[in-house]
Protein backbone atom coordinates (compact mmCIF):
# COMPACT_ATOMS: atom_id res chain seq x y z
CA UNK A 1 -6.01 27.63 -39.73
CA UNK A 2 -6.82 24.13 -40.96
CA UNK A 3 -4.32 22.55 -38.56
CA UNK A 4 -5.74 24.59 -35.65
CA UNK A 5 -9.23 23.40 -36.51
CA UNK A 6 -8.03 19.78 -36.69
CA UNK A 7 -6.25 20.14 -33.34
CA UNK A 8 -9.36 21.67 -31.74
CA UNK A 9 -11.51 18.87 -33.18
CA UNK A 10 -9.12 16.18 -31.87
CA UNK A 11 -8.96 17.75 -28.40
CA UNK A 12 -12.76 18.06 -28.24
CA UNK A 13 -13.19 14.44 -29.34
CA UNK A 14 -10.65 13.30 -26.73
CA UNK A 15 -12.44 15.24 -23.98
CA UNK A 16 -15.83 13.85 -24.98
CA UNK A 17 -14.46 10.31 -25.16
CA UNK A 18 -12.78 10.60 -21.77
CA UNK A 19 -16.00 11.75 -20.08
CA UNK A 20 -16.92 8.24 -18.91
CA UNK A 21 -13.37 7.77 -17.59
CA UNK A 22 -13.36 10.91 -15.45
CA UNK A 23 -13.40 10.51 -11.70
CA UNK A 24 -16.88 10.51 -10.23
CA UNK A 25 -16.06 10.27 -6.56
CA UNK A 26 -13.08 11.22 -4.40
CA UNK A 27 -12.96 10.15 -0.76
CA UNK A 28 -10.24 10.27 1.85
CA UNK A 29 -9.62 7.55 4.37
CA UNK A 30 -7.62 6.20 7.28
CA UNK A 31 -6.73 2.63 8.17
CA UNK A 32 -5.55 0.83 11.27
CA UNK A 33 -3.59 -2.36 10.59
CA UNK A 34 -2.36 -5.53 12.25
CA UNK A 35 0.60 -6.93 10.28
CA UNK A 36 2.10 -10.41 10.29
CA UNK A 37 5.70 -10.68 8.98
CA UNK A 38 6.49 -13.70 6.80
CA UNK A 39 9.61 -15.07 5.06
CA UNK A 40 12.96 -13.51 6.10
CA UNK A 41 11.33 -10.65 8.00
CA UNK A 42 9.51 -13.14 10.23
CA UNK A 43 12.53 -15.40 10.88
CA UNK A 44 13.39 -16.29 14.46
CA UNK A 45 16.62 -14.26 14.21
CA UNK A 46 14.75 -11.08 13.28
CA UNK A 47 11.11 -10.66 14.35
CA UNK A 48 10.17 -14.26 15.21
CA UNK A 49 6.73 -13.79 13.59
CA UNK A 50 5.72 -11.10 16.10
CA UNK A 51 2.64 -9.13 15.11
CA UNK A 52 3.16 -5.53 14.12
CA UNK A 53 0.76 -2.64 13.89
CA UNK A 54 0.29 0.15 11.43
CA UNK A 55 -1.55 3.30 10.51
CA UNK A 56 -2.18 4.80 7.13
CA UNK A 57 -3.99 7.35 5.03
CA UNK A 58 -5.37 7.03 1.55
CA UNK A 59 -7.49 8.72 -1.10
CA UNK A 60 -10.01 6.79 -3.22
CA UNK A 61 -10.48 8.15 -6.72
CA UNK A 62 -13.59 6.41 -8.03
CA UNK A 63 -14.44 5.84 -11.68
CA UNK A 64 -17.57 4.43 -13.34
CA UNK A 65 -18.03 0.67 -13.35
CA UNK A 66 -16.51 0.03 -9.91
CA UNK A 67 -12.92 1.01 -10.77
CA UNK A 68 -10.80 3.03 -8.33
CA UNK A 69 -7.25 4.28 -7.98
CA UNK A 70 -6.09 4.48 -4.36
CA UNK A 71 -2.93 6.50 -3.58
CA UNK A 72 -1.84 5.54 -0.07
CA UNK A 73 0.74 6.10 2.67
CA UNK A 74 1.30 3.27 5.17
CA UNK A 75 3.42 3.09 8.32
CA UNK A 76 4.04 -0.32 9.93
CA UNK A 77 6.00 -1.03 13.13
CA UNK A 78 7.38 -4.39 14.29
CA UNK A 79 9.32 -5.00 17.50
CA UNK A 80 10.69 -8.14 19.13
CA UNK A 81 13.05 -7.99 22.12
CA UNK A 82 15.85 -5.61 21.01
CA UNK A 83 15.03 -5.80 17.29
CA UNK A 84 12.85 -3.22 15.60
CA UNK A 85 11.70 -2.76 11.99
CA UNK A 86 9.70 0.23 10.81
CA UNK A 87 8.27 0.51 7.29
CA UNK A 88 7.03 3.66 5.57
CA UNK A 89 5.46 2.94 2.19
CA UNK A 90 4.01 5.27 -0.44
CA UNK A 91 2.14 3.74 -3.35
CA UNK A 92 -1.01 3.44 -5.40
CA UNK A 93 -3.45 0.55 -5.73
CA UNK A 94 -6.03 -0.26 -8.37
CA UNK A 95 -9.27 -1.60 -6.86
CA UNK A 96 -12.19 -3.24 -8.65
CA UNK A 97 -15.54 -3.38 -6.84
CA UNK A 98 -17.74 -6.30 -7.91
CA UNK A 99 -20.90 -4.26 -7.27
CA UNK A 100 -19.65 -1.91 -10.02
CA UNK A 101 -20.01 0.93 -7.49
CA UNK A 102 -16.94 2.27 -5.72
CA UNK A 103 -16.97 1.84 -1.90
CA UNK A 104 -19.79 -0.73 -2.01
CA UNK A 105 -19.27 -4.42 -1.26
CA UNK A 106 -16.41 -6.76 -2.14
CA UNK A 107 -13.33 -5.70 -4.10
CA UNK A 108 -9.95 -6.95 -5.30
CA UNK A 109 -6.87 -4.81 -5.72
CA UNK A 110 -3.24 -4.70 -6.75
CA UNK A 111 -0.62 -1.99 -6.37
CA UNK A 112 2.94 -0.76 -6.60
CA UNK A 113 4.92 1.64 -4.50
CA UNK A 114 8.16 2.71 -2.90
CA UNK A 115 9.14 1.89 0.67
CA UNK A 116 11.65 3.05 3.22
CA UNK A 117 12.56 0.74 6.11
CA UNK A 118 14.47 1.26 9.34
CA UNK A 119 16.12 -1.84 10.78
CA UNK A 120 17.46 -1.54 14.36
CA UNK A 121 19.20 -4.34 16.24
CA UNK A 122 20.52 -3.81 19.75
CA UNK A 123 22.21 -7.06 20.81
CA UNK A 124 24.50 -7.51 23.84
CA UNK A 125 27.75 -5.71 22.95
CA UNK A 126 26.60 -4.92 19.38
CA UNK A 127 24.30 -2.40 17.81
CA UNK A 128 23.36 -1.92 14.16
CA UNK A 129 20.83 0.09 12.21
CA UNK A 130 20.23 0.99 8.59
CA UNK A 131 17.56 2.63 6.48
CA UNK A 132 17.33 0.93 3.05
CA UNK A 133 14.62 1.62 0.49
CA UNK A 134 12.98 -0.53 -2.19
CA UNK A 135 9.93 -0.89 -4.42
CA UNK A 136 7.02 -3.03 -3.28
CA UNK A 137 4.09 -4.82 -4.84
CA UNK A 138 0.77 -5.71 -3.24
CA UNK A 139 -2.46 -7.59 -3.74
CA UNK A 140 -5.57 -7.12 -1.66
CA UNK A 141 -9.15 -8.21 -1.08
CA UNK A 142 -11.63 -6.24 0.94
CA UNK A 143 -15.22 -5.51 1.74
CA UNK A 144 -16.87 -2.14 2.31
CA UNK A 145 -19.75 -2.72 4.76
CA UNK A 146 -20.96 0.85 4.22
CA UNK A 147 -19.54 3.56 1.95
CA UNK A 148 -17.46 4.68 4.96
CA UNK A 149 -16.51 1.48 6.84
CA UNK A 150 -14.68 -1.58 5.58
CA UNK A 151 -12.03 -4.24 6.11
CA UNK A 152 -9.14 -5.37 3.93
CA UNK A 153 -6.56 -8.16 3.75
CA UNK A 154 -3.43 -7.03 1.94
CA UNK A 155 -0.25 -8.90 1.04
CA UNK A 156 2.77 -6.62 0.50
CA UNK A 157 6.09 -7.94 -0.84
CA UNK A 158 9.41 -6.05 -0.67
CA UNK A 159 13.12 -6.92 -0.67
CA UNK A 160 15.42 -4.81 1.48
CA UNK A 161 19.21 -4.98 1.82
CA UNK A 162 20.07 -3.32 5.14
CA UNK A 163 23.68 -3.09 6.24
CA UNK A 164 23.75 -4.88 9.59
CA UNK A 165 26.95 -5.75 11.44
CA UNK A 166 29.10 -5.24 8.33
CA UNK A 167 27.02 -7.41 5.98
CA UNK A 168 24.16 -6.60 3.58
CA UNK A 169 21.73 -9.51 3.78
CA UNK A 170 18.82 -9.60 1.35
CA UNK A 171 15.72 -9.61 3.53
CA UNK A 172 12.49 -10.42 1.76
CA UNK A 173 9.83 -8.76 3.81
CA UNK A 174 6.39 -9.83 2.75
CA UNK A 175 3.70 -8.97 5.26
CA UNK A 176 0.09 -10.02 5.56
CA UNK A 177 -1.95 -7.04 6.76
CA UNK A 178 -5.49 -6.96 8.14
CA UNK A 179 -6.90 -3.42 8.16
CA UNK A 180 -9.98 -1.65 9.39
CA UNK A 181 -10.87 1.18 6.98
CA UNK A 182 -12.70 4.43 7.65
CA UNK A 183 -13.47 6.76 4.71
CA UNK A 184 -14.90 10.28 4.80
């Protein structure tokens, strides 16, 4: 009985202490993105720094003090001549809003996730494609103009090793993404 009472007391204390940490606001959102490939992904032999585009969906889980966790799914497509790279990334970001209110004003963020890429190269007399996967990291800065509309710059870094033409080159694929955000 005494141990049950102690357990109940500890659980009650933990619940009361976690009250300020509980989510206050959950919103869903969509983003449209222009993406610029850098490093190996943007090399002349691959995408030659051609702009890509992307779409995504996310959920903002807001906490007191301007803190938010943002699970997200992003799709990005790049194409140059007969070379195509598609990225599908699932991850979560932490965002801090300087106004101390989620979805209001300027924020900074950082995140981790897992990505799947599809590399396709169709050169004269040769064709190769592969679908490697890898973890990614990101940093971001954004501004919510209203609680529903905003813009974000996001830098995402990943290393893929696709098998292309019998070799497995290490392709660092950082991208700089500019997104328009709509939340509902």
